Amino acid sequence: MELQQAIQELRKNEKRKFNQTIDLIVNLKGIDLRKDSINTVVSMPHAIKEKKVCGFFTKKSDLVTTISPPDFAKYKDKAELKHLVKSFDFFMASAPLMPSVATVFGKVLGPAGKMPSPQLGLVMQENDTAIKAELAKISKALKVRAKEPSIKISVAKESMSDSDITENIQAAYNAIVAVLPTKKENVRNVMIKLTMSKPLKVEMK
């Protein structure tokens, strides 16, 4: 089934009392996830939901929840640290603080895939211009991390237009294929679904 047709089919499902999410499922083949790390961030054409962002900065910022060095000691408590990691989608940091951020928070942020990374621009200068620019990028960023040979990510909301949904699905699919060892040869099949619907198989270009 072509993507546009599948989106129309999803819209025929029973309407729910909430704005359902549209999920993209990419089932993989020929991949050993112990050797092949599938880990990327997609810049989506259209924002899906508001992201919760926390910053490790030397002084409090009015733009994001801030954790500054005097607060670090509190997070030696494992329960506090785990709660922090679950509470935010992205973490950014002032470059000079990165060594201490890695020491105090790295053992939990790293495995969760939430460590501030220079590649993503999340390690930055500490000023409002840099923070605002990064927040604008994060609003459309989608993390993709494969822990099993099936990637399932939320790519849109049913309230979005068909064209916006199509663009988001295509962008996410292209980004996933780009990081696979043998690209499309590693894709077994692709499906989309609503939160409460059965998945539909789609043909991706």
Protein backbone atom coordinates (compact mmCIF):
# COMPACT_ATOMS: atom_id res chain seq x y z
CA MET A 1 0.00 0.00 0.00
CA GLU A 2 1.33 3.45 -0.86
CA LEU A 3 1.94 5.87 1.99
CA GLN A 4 -0.82 8.36 1.08
CA GLN A 5 -3.35 5.54 0.79
CA ALA A 6 -2.28 4.08 4.15
CA ILE A 7 -2.76 7.45 5.87
CA GLN A 8 -6.30 7.62 4.40
CA GLU A 9 -6.97 4.09 5.69
CA LEU A 10 -5.78 5.06 9.19
CA ARG A 11 -8.20 8.00 9.18
CA LYS A 12 -11.10 5.54 8.70
CA ASN A 13 -10.44 4.09 12.16
CA GLU A 14 -12.78 4.88 15.04
CA LYS A 15 -12.20 8.41 16.33
CA ARG A 16 -10.86 8.54 19.88
CA LYS A 17 -11.25 11.22 22.53
CA PHE A 18 -7.60 12.21 22.22
CA ASN A 19 -5.24 13.26 19.44
CA GLN A 20 -3.68 9.93 18.49
CA THR A 21 -0.03 9.59 17.59
CA ILE A 22 1.07 8.12 14.28
CA ASP A 23 3.90 5.64 14.70
CA LEU A 24 6.39 4.49 12.09
CA ILE A 25 7.63 0.91 12.47
CA VAL A 26 10.70 -0.15 10.51
CA ASN A 27 11.42 -3.88 10.86
CA LEU A 28 15.04 -4.75 10.18
CA LYS A 29 16.93 -7.78 8.85
CA GLY A 30 20.58 -8.76 8.55
CA ILE A 31 21.70 -6.59 11.45
CA ASP A 32 23.62 -7.51 14.61
CA LEU A 33 22.79 -4.70 17.04
CA ARG A 34 25.77 -5.66 19.21
CA LYS A 35 28.03 -4.59 16.33
CA ASP A 36 25.85 -2.16 14.39
CA SER A 37 24.78 0.78 16.52
CA ILE A 38 21.65 2.37 15.07
CA ASN A 39 21.54 5.74 16.80
CA THR A 40 20.65 9.02 15.13
CA VAL A 41 18.65 12.22 15.50
CA VAL A 42 16.26 13.20 12.71
CA SER A 43 15.40 16.82 12.00
CA MET A 44 11.68 16.55 11.27
CA PRO A 45 9.99 18.94 8.83
CA HIS A 46 7.14 19.50 11.31
CA ALA A 47 7.24 19.55 15.13
CA ILE A 48 5.23 16.76 16.79
CA LYS A 49 5.16 17.60 20.48
CA GLU A 50 6.75 19.96 22.92
CA LYS A 51 10.12 18.67 24.14
CA LYS A 52 11.26 18.91 27.75
CA VAL A 53 14.79 20.31 27.86
CA CYS A 54 17.22 20.71 30.75
CA GLY A 55 20.52 22.62 30.71
CA PHE A 56 23.73 22.18 32.67
CA PHE A 57 24.89 25.80 32.96
CA THR A 58 27.01 27.85 35.36
CA LYS A 59 24.09 30.22 36.01
CA LYS A 60 20.32 29.88 35.86
CA SER A 61 18.69 30.43 32.47
CA ASP A 62 15.17 31.81 32.00
CA LEU A 63 14.82 29.71 28.84
CA VAL A 64 15.29 26.17 30.21
CA THR A 65 15.27 24.29 33.48
CA THR A 66 18.85 24.70 34.72
CA ILE A 67 21.10 22.53 36.86
CA SER A 68 24.21 24.43 37.95
CA PRO A 69 27.34 23.05 39.71
CA PRO A 70 26.04 23.69 43.28
CA ASP A 71 23.12 21.34 42.43
CA PHE A 72 25.36 18.50 41.15
CA ALA A 73 25.91 16.92 44.57
CA LYS A 74 22.19 16.18 44.89
CA TYR A 75 22.42 13.83 41.90
CA LYS A 76 24.87 11.47 43.54
CA ASP A 77 21.61 9.96 44.80
CA LYS A 78 20.73 7.28 42.20
CA ALA A 79 16.98 7.77 42.59
CA GLU A 80 17.28 11.54 41.99
CA LEU A 81 19.46 10.90 38.96
CA LYS A 82 17.08 8.37 37.40
CA HIS A 83 14.12 10.69 37.99
CA LEU A 84 15.99 13.55 36.30
CA VAL A 85 16.78 11.48 33.20
CA LYS A 86 13.15 10.34 32.85
CA SER A 87 11.83 13.90 33.25
CA PHE A 88 13.55 15.42 30.20
CA ASP A 89 13.82 14.54 26.51
CA PHE A 90 17.06 16.46 25.82
CA PHE A 91 19.96 17.79 27.87
CA MET A 92 22.24 20.63 26.79
CA ALA A 93 25.40 21.84 28.50
CA SER A 94 27.89 24.67 28.65
CA ALA A 95 31.15 23.38 27.09
CA PRO A 96 33.39 24.07 30.15
CA LEU A 97 31.02 22.04 32.38
CA MET A 98 31.11 18.91 30.21
CA PRO A 99 33.86 17.06 32.14
CA SER A 100 31.95 17.35 35.42
CA VAL A 101 28.61 16.61 33.69
CA ALA A 102 30.16 13.41 32.29
CA THR A 103 31.48 12.43 35.73
CA VAL A 104 28.27 13.05 37.68
CA PHE A 105 25.55 12.29 35.13
CA GLY A 106 27.25 10.26 32.37
CA LYS A 107 26.60 6.79 33.78
CA VAL A 108 22.83 7.32 33.44
CA LEU A 109 22.57 9.88 30.62
CA GLY A 110 24.91 7.83 28.39
CA PRO A 111 22.93 4.56 28.34
CA ALA A 112 19.67 6.55 27.97
CA GLY A 113 21.08 8.23 24.84
CA LYS A 114 20.62 11.67 26.41
CA MET A 115 24.19 12.82 27.00
CA PRO A 116 24.77 16.38 25.69
CA SER A 117 26.64 15.91 22.43
CA PRO A 118 28.78 18.37 20.44
CA GLN A 119 27.63 16.68 17.18
CA LEU A 120 24.02 17.64 17.93
CA GLY A 121 24.99 21.14 19.01
CA LEU A 122 23.96 20.34 22.59
CA VAL A 123 27.34 21.40 23.98
CA MET A 124 27.38 25.14 23.52
CA GLN A 125 28.30 28.61 24.59
CA GLU A 126 26.22 29.77 27.52
CA ASN A 127 24.17 32.64 26.13
CA ASP A 128 20.51 33.22 25.26
CA THR A 129 21.14 33.34 21.50
CA ALA A 130 22.82 29.93 21.46
CA ILE A 131 20.19 28.42 23.78
CA LYS A 132 17.27 29.78 21.69
CA ALA A 133 18.84 28.47 18.46
CA GLU A 134 19.29 25.02 19.98
CA LEU A 135 15.73 24.96 21.40
CA ALA A 136 14.40 25.72 17.89
CA LYS A 137 16.34 22.70 16.52
CA ILE A 138 15.27 20.44 19.39
CA SER A 139 11.58 21.28 18.80
CA LYS A 140 11.81 19.35 15.50
CA ALA A 141 14.37 16.75 16.57
CA LEU A 142 13.44 13.09 16.83
CA LYS A 143 15.77 10.54 18.42
CA VAL A 144 16.07 7.12 16.82
CA ARG A 145 17.74 4.33 18.75
CA ALA A 146 17.42 0.63 17.91
CA LYS A 147 17.50 -1.77 20.86
CA GLU A 148 15.90 -4.60 18.88
CA PRO A 149 15.54 -5.42 15.15
CA SER A 150 12.39 -3.28 14.99
CA ILE A 151 12.39 0.50 15.26
CA LYS A 152 9.15 2.10 16.43
CA ILE A 153 8.99 5.89 16.66
CA SER A 154 6.23 8.49 16.95
CA VAL A 155 6.40 10.66 13.85
CA ALA A 156 3.16 12.67 13.73
CA LYS A 157 -0.23 13.41 15.26
CA GLU A 158 -3.50 12.58 13.52
CA SER A 159 -4.52 16.26 13.76
CA MET A 160 -1.73 17.16 11.32
CA SER A 161 -2.45 17.47 7.59
CA ASP A 162 -1.84 14.47 5.32
CA SER A 163 1.04 16.28 3.62
CA ASP A 164 2.75 17.12 6.95
CA ILE A 165 2.32 13.51 8.12
CA THR A 166 3.74 12.21 4.82
CA GLU A 167 6.75 14.55 5.00
CA ASN A 168 7.53 13.53 8.59
CA ILE A 169 7.25 9.80 7.84
CA GLN A 170 9.45 10.14 4.76
CA ALA A 171 12.07 12.17 6.65
CA ALA A 172 12.21 9.67 9.51
CA TYR A 173 12.39 6.68 7.14
CA ASN A 174 15.17 8.27 5.03
CA ALA A 175 17.21 9.07 8.15
CA ILE A 176 16.88 5.50 9.47
CA VAL A 177 17.88 3.98 6.12
CA ALA A 178 20.89 6.33 5.96
CA VAL A 179 22.40 4.87 9.16
CA LEU A 180 21.78 1.20 8.32
CA PRO A 181 24.92 -0.77 7.31
CA THR A 182 23.53 -1.84 3.93
CA LYS A 183 20.77 0.78 3.68
CA LYS A 184 17.44 -0.49 2.21
CA GLU A 185 18.72 -4.08 2.13
CA ASN A 186 18.46 -4.04 5.95
CA VAL A 187 14.74 -3.14 5.82
CA ARG A 188 12.41 -6.14 6.14
CA ASN A 189 9.23 -4.08 5.94
CA VAL A 190 7.69 -0.76 7.00
CA MET A 191 4.38 -0.15 8.78
CA ILE A 192 2.45 2.81 10.16
CA LYS A 193 -0.24 2.82 12.85
CA LEU A 194 -2.28 5.05 15.10
CA THR A 195 -1.98 4.71 18.88
CA MET A 196 -5.09 2.53 18.97
CA SER A 197 -5.08 0.96 15.50
CA LYS A 198 -3.55 -2.10 13.91
CA PRO A 199 -0.43 -1.49 11.80
CA LEU A 200 -0.67 -1.14 8.04
CA LYS A 201 2.19 -2.23 5.78
CA VAL A 202 3.41 0.52 3.46
CA GLU A 203 5.68 0.68 0.42
CA MET A 204 8.32 3.35 0.93
CA LYS A 205 10.20 5.03 -1.91
